[in-house]
Amino acid sequence: QVQLVESGGGLVQAGGSLRLSCAASGRTFNNYAMGWFRQAPGKEREFVAGTSRSGFGTYYADSVKGRFIISRDNAKKTVNLEMNSLKPEDTAVYYCAAGKVPFSDRYSSITDFGSGGQGTQVTVSS
């Protein structure tokens, strides 16, 4: 199993950047695809980005494509989300999540992931 702790959220002006990090514990980190999703108040959870077990494969929601970059470091057991050109509509709690099934190459939908960590708040002011 993989335990996850997110960090790096904060308040930023529109057009700015933030880098979210997720630290994982557990011996099986490399066995899981990893991803980020977000949830804004009153809205459903939304898939943001996913990456394969190796990190070579990535997938992004249309809303963040070209602005966000997901990456992972299997040696450090971390997964990051570099967020650029932030918009007020990016405001949400961001969660890191591991794939539901080990050794799976599914990472393009929120249904491919488990419940995630405790989340980190990102607020983008206009």
Foldseek 3Di string as FASTA:
>chain_A
DKAKDKDWADEEAQQAKTKMKIAIDDDQLLQWKKFKWWDAPPDDIGGAKIAFSVQPDIEGDPVQPPFKDWGADVVRRMIMIIGGSDDQVVWTWMFMWTAPDTNDGDTHGPVRTDDGHPTDTHGYHD
